[in-house]
Protein backbone atom coordinates (compact mmCIF):
# COMPACT_ATOMS: atom_id res chain seq x y z
CA MET A 1 -33.84 -1.93 -163.27
CA ILE A 2 -32.64 -2.55 -166.82
CA LEU A 3 -32.06 1.18 -167.37
CA GLN A 4 -30.20 1.45 -164.07
CA ALA A 5 -28.02 -1.52 -165.00
CA LEU A 6 -27.26 0.00 -168.40
CA LEU A 7 -26.28 3.31 -166.83
CA ILE A 8 -24.00 1.57 -164.34
CA ALA A 9 -22.44 -0.49 -167.13
CA ALA A 10 -21.88 2.63 -169.23
CA ALA A 11 -20.30 4.43 -166.26
CA VAL A 12 -18.00 1.47 -165.55
CA TYR A 13 -17.04 1.27 -169.23
CA LEU A 14 -16.19 4.97 -169.35
CA LEU A 15 -14.19 4.76 -166.13
CA VAL A 16 -12.20 1.72 -167.30
CA THR A 17 -11.56 3.35 -170.70
CA HIS A 18 -10.45 6.55 -168.95
CA LEU A 19 -8.04 4.65 -166.67
CA ILE A 20 -6.56 2.63 -169.54
CA GLN A 21 -6.02 5.79 -171.57
CA ARG A 22 -4.57 7.60 -168.55
CA LYS A 23 -2.06 4.78 -168.04
CA LYS A 24 -0.88 5.21 -171.63
CA VAL A 25 -0.52 8.97 -171.21
CA GLN A 26 1.35 8.51 -167.92
CA THR A 27 3.84 6.25 -169.73
CA ILE A 28 4.55 9.05 -172.21
CA ASN A 29 4.60 11.59 -169.38
CA LYS A 30 7.64 9.83 -167.87
CA HIS A 31 9.63 10.88 -170.94
CA PHE A 32 8.22 14.43 -170.87
CA PRO A 33 8.20 15.31 -167.16
CA GLY A 34 6.27 18.41 -166.23
CA PRO A 35 4.08 19.77 -163.44
CA LYS A 36 2.19 17.05 -161.57
CA PRO A 37 -1.47 16.92 -162.66
CA TYR A 38 -4.42 16.82 -160.29
CA PRO A 39 -7.20 14.28 -160.94
CA VAL A 40 -9.73 15.40 -163.56
CA VAL A 41 -8.51 19.05 -163.84
CA GLY A 42 -4.88 18.25 -164.68
CA ASN A 43 -2.74 21.41 -164.55
CA LEU A 44 -5.57 23.86 -165.19
CA LEU A 45 -5.45 25.22 -161.64
CA GLU A 46 -1.95 26.58 -162.33
CA PHE A 47 -3.52 29.05 -164.75
CA ALA A 48 -6.79 29.71 -162.93
CA THR A 49 -5.73 32.96 -161.22
CA LEU A 50 -3.52 34.35 -164.00
CA ASP A 51 -4.41 37.19 -166.34
CA ILE A 52 -3.93 36.75 -170.10
CA PRO A 53 -0.27 37.90 -170.24
CA GLY A 54 0.34 35.82 -167.12
CA VAL A 55 -0.70 32.64 -168.96
CA PHE A 56 2.01 33.21 -171.57
CA GLU A 57 4.58 34.18 -168.93
CA HIS A 58 3.83 30.98 -167.02
CA VAL A 59 4.36 28.82 -170.12
CA VAL A 60 7.79 30.44 -170.58
CA GLU A 61 8.58 29.93 -166.87
CA LEU A 62 7.59 26.25 -167.06
CA HIS A 63 10.22 25.70 -169.76
CA GLU A 64 12.80 27.25 -167.44
CA ARG A 65 11.64 24.93 -164.64
CA TYR A 66 11.15 21.63 -166.51
CA GLY A 67 13.49 21.92 -169.47
CA GLN A 68 13.09 21.90 -173.21
CA ASP A 69 10.30 19.30 -173.50
CA PHE A 70 7.47 18.70 -171.02
CA MET A 71 3.80 17.71 -170.82
CA MET A 72 0.81 19.70 -169.60
CA TRP A 73 -2.53 18.12 -168.64
CA SER A 74 -6.01 19.58 -169.15
CA LEU A 75 -9.38 18.03 -168.26
CA PHE A 76 -9.39 14.26 -167.84
CA ASN A 77 -6.71 12.79 -170.16
CA TRP A 78 -6.46 15.66 -172.63
CA ASN A 79 -2.86 16.89 -172.76
CA LEU A 80 -0.25 18.83 -174.70
CA ILE A 81 3.46 18.25 -175.20
CA LEU A 82 5.46 21.47 -175.37
CA MET A 83 8.86 21.09 -176.98
CA THR A 84 11.82 23.27 -177.90
CA SER A 85 14.65 20.70 -178.26
CA ARG A 86 16.23 20.77 -181.72
CA LYS A 87 15.98 17.04 -182.38
CA ASN A 88 12.28 16.82 -181.51
CA VAL A 89 11.28 20.09 -183.18
CA GLU A 90 13.00 18.90 -186.35
CA LYS A 91 11.18 15.55 -186.27
CA VAL A 92 7.77 17.16 -185.77
CA LEU A 93 8.06 20.10 -188.17
CA LEU A 94 9.71 18.10 -190.97
CA ALA A 95 7.40 15.07 -190.72
CA LYS A 96 6.24 13.84 -194.14
CA GLN A 97 2.63 14.17 -193.05
CA THR A 98 1.52 16.89 -190.69
CA GLU A 99 -1.61 18.59 -189.43
CA LYS A 100 -2.12 21.70 -187.37
CA SER A 101 -2.94 21.19 -183.70
CA MET A 102 -6.41 21.43 -182.23
CA LEU A 103 -5.87 25.07 -181.18
CA TYR A 104 -6.12 26.11 -184.85
CA GLN A 105 -9.69 24.83 -184.85
CA PHE A 106 -10.58 27.88 -182.78
CA ILE A 107 -10.30 30.05 -185.91
CA GLU A 108 -11.77 27.48 -188.31
CA PRO A 109 -15.29 28.97 -188.06
CA TRP A 110 -13.87 32.16 -189.61
CA LEU A 111 -11.14 30.83 -191.93
CA GLY A 112 -12.64 27.47 -192.86
CA THR A 113 -10.04 24.97 -193.98
CA GLY A 114 -7.95 27.41 -195.98
CA LEU A 115 -4.20 27.11 -196.41
CA LEU A 116 -3.40 27.76 -192.74
CA ILE A 117 -5.54 24.87 -191.48
CA ALA A 118 -5.92 22.54 -194.49
CA SER A 119 -4.10 19.21 -194.66
CA GLY A 120 -3.40 16.45 -197.17
CA GLU A 121 -4.26 16.92 -200.83
CA LYS A 122 -6.32 20.06 -200.23
CA TRP A 123 -3.35 21.77 -198.59
CA PHE A 124 -1.02 20.70 -201.42
CA GLN A 125 -3.38 22.03 -204.11
CA ARG A 126 -3.97 25.33 -202.33
CA ARG A 127 -0.25 25.87 -201.71
CA LYS A 128 0.43 25.30 -205.40
CA ILE A 129 -2.32 27.70 -206.43
CA ILE A 130 -1.31 30.48 -204.03
CA THR A 131 2.48 30.39 -204.48
CA PRO A 132 2.43 32.59 -207.65
CA THR A 133 0.83 35.38 -205.62
CA PHE A 134 4.23 35.98 -204.03
CA HIS A 135 6.17 36.18 -207.31
CA PHE A 136 8.49 39.18 -207.06
CA LYS A 137 6.67 40.95 -209.90
CA ILE A 138 3.46 40.96 -207.88
CA LEU A 139 5.36 41.92 -204.73
CA GLU A 140 6.66 44.95 -206.66
CA GLN A 141 3.05 46.04 -207.08
CA PHE A 142 2.33 45.43 -203.42
CA VAL A 143 5.22 47.70 -202.40
CA ARG A 144 3.32 50.61 -203.98
CA VAL A 145 0.42 49.87 -201.64
CA PHE A 146 2.78 49.69 -198.65
CA ASN A 147 4.21 53.11 -199.63
CA THR A 148 0.76 54.69 -199.85
CA GLU A 149 -0.62 53.26 -196.64
CA THR A 150 2.53 53.94 -194.61
CA ASP A 151 2.62 57.53 -195.90
CA THR A 152 -0.92 57.90 -194.61
CA MET A 153 0.14 56.53 -191.21
CA VAL A 154 3.12 58.93 -191.05
CA LYS A 155 0.82 61.89 -191.75
CA LEU A 156 -1.69 60.81 -189.12
CA LEU A 157 1.09 60.50 -186.52
CA ARG A 158 2.11 64.13 -186.95
CA LYS A 159 -0.48 65.28 -184.38
CA HIS A 160 1.56 63.45 -181.71
CA VAL A 161 4.85 65.29 -182.38
CA ASN A 162 6.31 66.57 -179.09
CA GLY A 163 3.16 65.45 -177.32
CA LYS A 164 2.24 62.90 -174.69
CA GLU A 165 2.76 59.17 -175.05
CA PHE A 166 0.34 57.35 -177.37
CA ASP A 167 -0.24 53.81 -178.59
CA ILE A 168 1.48 53.36 -181.95
CA TYR A 169 0.32 49.72 -182.13
CA GLU A 170 -3.18 50.93 -183.02
CA TYR A 171 -1.86 52.99 -185.94
CA VAL A 172 0.22 50.09 -187.25
CA THR A 173 -2.80 47.76 -187.01
CA LEU A 174 -4.96 50.04 -189.15
CA MET A 175 -2.17 50.61 -191.68
CA ALA A 176 -1.60 46.86 -192.02
CA LEU A 177 -5.34 46.25 -192.37
CA ASP A 178 -5.62 48.82 -195.18
CA SER A 179 -2.61 47.24 -196.90
CA ILE A 180 -3.96 43.71 -196.72
CA CYS A 181 -7.45 44.70 -197.91
CA GLU A 182 -5.94 46.44 -200.94
CA THR A 183 -3.49 43.67 -201.83
CA SER A 184 -5.74 40.71 -201.10
CA MET A 185 -9.12 41.93 -202.29
CA GLY A 186 -8.45 45.10 -204.26
CA THR A 187 -10.90 46.90 -202.00
CA THR A 188 -10.49 49.89 -199.70
CA VAL A 189 -11.89 50.03 -196.17
CA ASP A 190 -9.80 53.11 -195.31
CA ALA A 191 -9.35 51.84 -191.77
CA GLN A 192 -6.82 54.55 -190.95
CA HIS A 193 -9.42 57.26 -191.43
CA ASN A 194 -12.36 55.12 -190.32
CA PRO A 195 -11.23 53.03 -187.33
CA ASP A 196 -14.89 52.56 -186.33
CA ASN A 197 -15.70 50.83 -189.64
CA GLN A 198 -17.70 47.66 -188.87
CA TYR A 199 -15.34 45.37 -190.77
CA VAL A 200 -12.35 46.84 -188.92
CA GLN A 201 -14.08 46.34 -185.57
CA ASN A 202 -15.07 42.77 -186.44
CA VAL A 203 -11.51 41.78 -187.40
CA LYS A 204 -10.23 43.15 -184.09
CA ARG A 205 -13.03 41.50 -182.10
CA ILE A 206 -12.57 38.04 -183.59
CA ALA A 207 -8.91 38.13 -182.51
CA VAL A 208 -10.02 38.84 -178.93
CA LEU A 209 -12.61 36.05 -178.99
CA VAL A 210 -10.01 33.54 -180.19
CA LEU A 211 -7.67 34.63 -177.41
CA LEU A 212 -10.40 34.22 -174.78
CA ARG A 213 -11.22 30.75 -176.04
CA THR A 214 -7.61 29.59 -175.69
CA ILE A 215 -7.82 30.11 -171.92
CA SER A 216 -11.40 28.85 -171.51
CA ILE A 217 -11.97 25.53 -169.76
CA LEU A 218 -14.53 24.73 -172.49
CA GLY A 219 -12.16 25.70 -175.32
CA PRO A 220 -10.96 22.18 -176.25
CA TYR A 221 -14.54 20.85 -176.42
CA PRO A 222 -16.28 22.45 -179.45
CA TRP A 223 -19.79 21.14 -178.85
CA LEU A 224 -19.77 22.29 -175.21
CA TYR A 225 -18.18 25.63 -176.06
CA ASN A 226 -20.59 26.33 -178.94
CA ILE A 227 -23.66 25.62 -176.80
CA LEU A 228 -22.70 26.89 -173.36
CA HIS A 229 -20.20 29.73 -173.75
CA PRO A 230 -21.69 33.21 -174.35
CA ASN A 231 -18.65 34.19 -176.46
CA ALA A 232 -19.60 31.48 -178.96
CA TRP A 233 -22.86 33.28 -179.71
CA GLU A 234 -21.08 36.58 -180.24
CA GLN A 235 -18.45 34.84 -182.37
CA ARG A 236 -21.10 33.45 -184.73
CA ARG A 237 -22.57 36.93 -185.21
CA VAL A 238 -19.17 38.54 -185.85
CA ILE A 239 -18.08 35.80 -188.27
CA LYS A 240 -21.31 36.10 -190.25
CA GLN A 241 -20.62 39.80 -190.75
CA LEU A 242 -17.00 39.09 -191.78
CA HIS A 243 -18.14 36.45 -194.26
CA ASP A 244 -20.84 38.73 -195.67
CA PHE A 245 -18.22 41.40 -196.36
CA THR A 246 -15.81 39.01 -198.10
CA ASP A 247 -18.64 37.38 -200.08
CA GLY A 248 -19.75 40.81 -201.28
CA VAL A 249 -16.25 41.69 -202.48
CA ILE A 250 -15.94 38.33 -204.28
CA ARG A 251 -19.30 38.76 -206.05
CA SER A 252 -18.42 42.30 -207.10
CA ARG A 253 -15.01 41.28 -208.45
CA ARG A 254 -16.50 38.30 -210.31
CA LYS A 255 -18.91 40.65 -212.09
CA GLN A 256 -16.07 43.03 -212.95
CA LEU A 257 -13.91 40.25 -214.41
CA ALA A 258 -16.89 38.88 -216.37
CA LYS A 259 -17.47 42.35 -217.80
CA GLU A 260 -13.81 42.66 -218.79
CA LYS A 261 -13.96 39.24 -220.44
CA SER A 262 -17.03 40.28 -222.44
CA GLU A 263 -15.08 43.34 -223.55
CA ASN A 264 -12.19 41.08 -224.62
CA VAL A 265 -9.85 42.20 -221.85
CA ALA A 266 -7.84 39.01 -221.45
CA PHE A 267 -6.54 37.70 -218.14
CA ASP A 268 -3.31 35.99 -219.20
CA LEU A 269 -2.08 33.42 -216.69
CA THR A 270 1.20 32.72 -218.49
CA GLU A 271 4.12 33.80 -216.34
CA GLU A 272 5.65 36.26 -218.80
CA ASN A 273 2.40 38.20 -219.08
CA MET A 274 0.35 37.81 -215.91
CA TYR A 275 2.55 40.01 -213.73
CA ALA A 276 3.34 42.86 -216.06
CA LYS A 277 0.09 43.79 -217.78
CA ARG A 278 -2.27 44.58 -214.94
CA LYS A 279 -2.57 45.35 -211.26
CA LEU A 280 -3.21 41.96 -209.67
CA THR A 281 -4.64 41.08 -206.30
CA PHE A 282 -4.74 37.82 -204.42
CA LEU A 283 -8.47 37.61 -205.16
CA ASP A 284 -7.94 38.04 -208.93
CA LEU A 285 -5.58 35.09 -209.02
CA LEU A 286 -8.01 32.87 -207.12
CA LEU A 287 -10.90 33.85 -209.38
CA ASN A 288 -8.97 32.84 -212.49
CA VAL A 289 -7.36 29.52 -211.55
CA THR A 290 -8.87 26.08 -212.07
CA VAL A 291 -8.37 22.76 -210.30
CA GLU A 292 -8.88 19.75 -212.58
CA GLY A 293 -10.60 22.03 -215.05
CA LYS A 294 -13.01 23.54 -212.53
CA PRO A 295 -12.85 27.04 -211.01
CA LEU A 296 -12.72 27.47 -207.25
CA SER A 297 -16.09 27.95 -205.58
CA ASN A 298 -16.96 31.15 -203.74
CA LEU A 299 -16.49 29.23 -200.47
CA ASP A 300 -13.01 28.05 -201.55
CA ILE A 301 -12.05 31.60 -202.43
CA ARG A 302 -13.49 33.06 -199.24
CA GLU A 303 -11.46 30.62 -197.15
CA GLU A 304 -8.22 31.74 -198.74
CA VAL A 305 -9.00 35.46 -198.79
CA ASP A 306 -10.00 35.40 -195.11
CA THR A 307 -6.87 33.38 -194.28
CA PHE A 308 -4.71 35.91 -196.14
CA MET A 309 -6.48 38.72 -194.27
CA PHE A 310 -5.82 37.12 -190.88
CA GLU A 311 -2.22 36.05 -191.50
CA GLY A 312 -1.29 39.18 -193.40
CA HIS A 313 -2.35 41.93 -191.03
CA ASP A 314 -2.09 40.57 -187.48
CA THR A 315 1.37 39.07 -187.95
CA THR A 316 2.90 42.07 -189.70
CA THR A 317 1.37 44.39 -187.11
CA SER A 318 3.10 42.37 -184.39
CA GLY A 319 6.45 42.32 -186.20
CA ILE A 320 6.46 46.06 -186.95
CA SER A 321 5.18 47.14 -183.54
CA PHE A 322 7.56 45.11 -181.39
CA THR A 323 10.50 46.30 -183.51
CA ILE A 324 9.37 49.89 -182.92
CA TYR A 325 9.26 49.05 -179.20
CA GLU A 326 12.90 47.98 -179.26
CA LEU A 327 14.01 50.93 -181.40
CA ALA A 328 12.45 53.26 -178.82
CA ARG A 329 14.36 51.48 -176.06
CA ASN A 330 17.66 51.34 -178.00
CA GLN A 331 18.37 54.82 -179.36
CA ASP A 332 21.84 53.84 -180.63
CA VAL A 333 20.28 51.22 -182.93
CA GLN A 334 17.67 53.72 -184.09
CA ASP A 335 20.37 56.32 -184.86
CA ARG A 336 22.38 53.84 -186.92
CA LEU A 337 19.24 52.82 -188.84
CA TYR A 338 18.42 56.49 -189.52
CA GLU A 339 21.92 57.03 -190.88
CA GLU A 340 21.48 54.11 -193.27
CA ILE A 341 18.13 55.48 -194.47
CA VAL A 342 19.72 58.85 -195.31
CA ALA A 343 22.70 57.18 -196.99
CA VAL A 344 20.56 54.90 -199.20
CA LEU A 345 17.76 57.32 -200.15
CA GLY A 346 19.69 60.61 -200.32
CA LYS A 347 18.31 64.10 -199.76
CA ASP A 348 14.70 63.07 -200.43
CA TYR A 349 14.86 60.32 -197.82
CA LYS A 350 11.67 61.50 -196.09
CA THR A 351 9.47 61.31 -199.17
CA ALA A 352 11.25 58.83 -201.47
CA ASP A 353 9.14 55.92 -202.70
CA LEU A 354 10.54 52.57 -201.75
CA THR A 355 10.79 49.82 -204.36
CA TYR A 356 11.42 46.10 -204.39
CA GLN A 357 14.92 46.91 -205.68
CA ASN A 358 16.06 49.64 -203.28
CA LEU A 359 14.77 47.71 -200.26
CA GLN A 360 17.58 45.23 -200.93
CA GLU A 361 20.14 47.96 -200.15
CA PHE A 362 19.16 48.32 -196.49
CA LYS A 363 21.65 45.89 -194.95
CA TYR A 364 21.49 47.15 -191.36
CA LEU A 365 17.69 47.31 -191.49
CA ASP A 366 17.75 43.64 -192.43
CA LEU A 367 19.65 42.88 -189.20
CA VAL A 368 17.24 45.02 -187.17
CA VAL A 369 14.19 43.24 -188.58
CA LYS A 370 15.70 39.80 -188.00
CA GLU A 371 16.52 40.65 -184.39
CA GLY A 372 13.01 42.03 -183.86
CA LEU A 373 11.56 38.77 -185.18
CA ARG A 374 13.92 36.80 -182.93
CA MET A 375 12.81 38.52 -179.76
CA TYR A 376 9.16 38.75 -180.75
CA PRO A 377 8.26 36.13 -183.39
CA PRO A 378 4.74 37.16 -184.50
CA VAL A 379 3.54 33.58 -184.17
CA GLY A 380 5.10 32.89 -180.78
CA ILE A 381 3.78 29.34 -180.50
CA ILE A 382 2.93 26.95 -183.35
CA GLY A 383 1.01 23.70 -183.00
CA ARG A 384 1.02 20.34 -184.73
CA ALA A 385 -0.97 17.13 -184.37
CA LEU A 386 0.93 13.93 -185.20
CA VAL A 387 -0.49 12.06 -188.19
CA GLU A 388 1.61 8.95 -187.51
CA ASP A 389 3.17 7.41 -184.41
CA MET A 390 6.56 9.03 -183.77
CA GLU A 391 9.52 8.22 -181.56
CA LEU A 392 10.31 11.17 -179.30
CA ASN A 393 12.53 11.21 -176.21
CA GLY A 394 12.88 7.42 -176.31
CA THR A 395 9.16 6.60 -176.34
CA MET A 396 6.56 6.10 -179.07
CA VAL A 397 4.13 9.00 -179.11
CA PRO A 398 0.85 8.01 -180.80
CA ALA A 399 -0.77 9.65 -183.83
CA GLY A 400 -3.20 12.37 -182.80
CA GLN A 401 -0.98 13.77 -180.05
CA ASN A 402 -1.13 17.58 -179.92
CA ILE A 403 2.26 19.28 -179.74
CA LEU A 404 3.13 22.94 -179.22
CA VAL A 405 6.44 24.45 -180.33
CA PRO A 406 7.06 27.75 -178.44
CA ILE A 407 9.22 29.61 -180.98
CA TYR A 408 9.43 32.51 -178.51
CA VAL A 409 11.28 30.22 -176.06
CA ILE A 410 13.54 28.76 -178.78
CA HIS A 411 14.56 32.29 -179.77
CA ARG A 412 15.59 33.14 -176.20
CA ASN A 413 17.78 30.13 -175.55
CA PRO A 414 20.83 31.63 -173.77
CA GLU A 415 23.08 28.84 -175.10
CA ILE A 416 22.37 30.05 -178.64
CA TYR A 417 21.70 33.74 -177.96
CA PRO A 418 23.83 35.03 -175.05
CA ASN A 419 22.01 37.72 -173.06
CA PRO A 420 18.84 36.82 -175.00
CA ASN A 421 16.68 39.65 -173.66
CA GLN A 422 19.02 42.30 -175.10
CA PHE A 423 18.13 43.70 -178.54
CA ASP A 424 21.30 43.25 -180.60
CA PRO A 425 21.04 43.28 -184.42
CA THR A 426 24.70 42.23 -184.79
CA ARG A 427 23.58 38.71 -183.85
CA PHE A 428 22.59 38.41 -187.49
CA SER A 429 25.89 39.39 -189.06
CA GLU A 430 27.17 36.68 -191.43
CA ASP A 431 29.71 35.37 -188.93
CA ALA A 432 27.18 35.05 -186.12
CA GLU A 433 24.49 33.45 -188.28
CA SER A 434 26.84 30.76 -189.55
CA LYS A 435 27.21 29.39 -186.01
CA ARG A 436 23.49 28.65 -185.62
CA GLY A 437 21.44 25.77 -186.88
CA PRO A 438 18.21 25.94 -188.93
CA PHE A 439 16.08 25.15 -185.87
CA ASP A 440 17.47 27.97 -183.73
CA TYR A 441 15.64 30.70 -185.67
CA LEU A 442 12.09 30.02 -186.84
CA PRO A 443 10.16 33.31 -187.22
CA PHE A 444 8.30 31.89 -190.22
CA SER A 445 8.33 28.25 -189.10
CA ILE A 446 10.18 25.72 -191.29
CA GLY A 447 9.47 22.82 -193.60
CA ALA A 448 6.55 22.38 -195.97
CA ARG A 449 4.17 24.31 -193.68
CA ASN A 450 6.37 27.38 -193.38
CA CYS A 451 4.83 30.83 -193.92
CA ILE A 452 4.13 31.29 -197.63
CA GLY A 453 3.87 35.08 -197.19
CA GLN A 454 7.18 35.74 -195.46
CA ARG A 455 8.57 37.92 -198.27
CA TYR A 456 5.35 39.95 -198.25
CA ALA A 457 5.65 40.41 -194.47
CA LEU A 458 9.32 41.39 -194.55
CA MET A 459 8.73 43.97 -197.28
CA GLU A 460 5.83 45.57 -195.43
CA MET A 461 7.85 45.64 -192.21
CA LYS A 462 10.79 47.32 -193.93
CA VAL A 463 8.70 49.94 -195.72
CA ALA A 464 6.89 50.86 -192.50
CA LEU A 465 10.07 51.10 -190.41
CA ILE A 466 12.00 53.11 -193.01
CA LYS A 467 9.27 55.71 -193.46
CA LEU A 468 8.61 55.98 -189.72
CA ILE A 469 12.25 56.43 -188.70
CA ALA A 470 12.95 58.73 -191.68
CA ASN A 471 10.33 61.16 -190.40
CA TYR A 472 10.34 60.73 -186.63
CA ARG A 473 12.59 59.95 -183.73
CA VAL A 474 10.68 57.41 -181.66
CA LEU A 475 11.09 57.73 -177.88
CA PRO A 476 9.84 55.48 -175.09
CA GLY A 477 6.63 56.52 -173.38
CA GLU A 478 6.39 56.54 -169.59
CA SER A 479 4.32 53.32 -169.67
CA LEU A 480 6.65 51.41 -171.99
CA GLY A 481 8.38 49.62 -169.13
CA LYS A 482 5.04 48.14 -168.02
CA LEU A 483 4.49 46.32 -171.32
CA ARG A 484 3.85 42.58 -171.12
CA VAL A 485 3.48 40.03 -173.90
CA LYS A 486 0.38 37.95 -174.51
CA THR A 487 -0.52 35.53 -177.28
CA ASP A 488 -3.40 33.74 -178.99
CA LEU A 489 -2.18 32.68 -182.42
CA VAL A 490 -0.24 35.96 -182.67
CA LEU A 491 2.11 37.66 -180.19
CA ARG A 492 0.67 40.95 -178.91
CA PRO A 493 1.53 43.70 -176.38
CA ASP A 494 -0.98 43.86 -173.54
CA ILE A 495 -1.06 47.68 -173.36
CA GLY A 496 -0.16 48.49 -176.95
CA ILE A 497 3.19 50.16 -177.68
CA PRO A 498 3.27 53.48 -175.75
CA VAL A 499 5.79 55.86 -177.36
CA LYS A 500 6.47 59.54 -178.00
CA ILE A 501 7.74 61.02 -181.27
CA GLU A 502 9.82 64.00 -182.34
CA LEU A 503 10.02 65.35 -185.89
CA ARG A 504 13.30 64.73 -187.73
CA GLU A 505 14.80 68.04 -188.86
């Protein structure tokens, strides 16, 4: 009897707590009207029959139906606010204290609490440590890697000249993976020649597993997901292999640096010397910095190297590939870009090495890249969790509230970008840009948590596009019109990027 009474009391307590919390959420919901939730399951049934691209398409459609800011319900009282209004996006993204939303926890088992996910003092310290990696002197060295890896991609594409349609997204992925391995760890996986390499397969698979978790009913509940979902078991196996690879590279590089130190080969961290005297990688910098007199642990370093790997290859792959997609569809833009390449590089335009300096001369390419990132921002949706209570839409939203900012939707606002689905690089001429506000274009986010590697990404994008268009005319494949967009933490094409190529004479 006592046990029965306790169970009934516990059930009543949970029910009352649930109803009180639901009342609070409903009060907020009045200021963020969205689709009406069903009891217990919220709005989950709206997505139940959709495929993966369909989930993303439905989110975009909901903004068209309910306006710039609305609320979506999941199981019980768990909910998300999706917002694209300037005033609210500014408040959330420029808040003095900020944390990433719960969705980022889906990749925490792989990345740990590295720069992407970290908050508070840890984030501040890591940001300070990592910033020198993107000094222009180091980026100059990275451009050499981009040249080498893109040249390899261009050679491998030659077998498709005048042939059937093929998926260029796969080639770009492997090129970007080789580039990031070389620049972040100083190691070569040669993914372009060895696409079946275990590390390459694991990086691709973890992206799929994260995507599948975002649409799983168990996704928001880690302890249930980790115990009950079969993908969680596969994820643990894949992540262990990824960590083993990174740990091995770190141990090897530590030994190499220790050997150099014993041979009196100095690693000079002063700014005037550190960039010019040696070929640096992201890993080298992390292995040689100290925080309060102590070096970073292997776990600290692995978190940041894995984060750099994730952010530096998936996002650039997306940016390059979707721009290629639009160049294939807009031959006039591609022709004008080709003319600029010939004009800037001269008679050796097909083979000329690109440098940090001559990349600055490609003015039209700059417009093309910006428009590509407008239409297809690699991180199509970013998430934040409020650290403090915040007034939004005339109501006080409590700390802990998860908020999503669909940058993809912001970038296709017809009031800011007339005919937003048309690829038009002239939108980014000086006159046109001056008419927009800072929260109308956010391909690298904004505020303190903006993308630290944006210059790296832009340089890799430009090198890849120049060398590709210098050597080939890219044409749309028969399947190109069927392409749909999907997203996990990165925007992706659901069928790759099917194109054809012709050799430039």
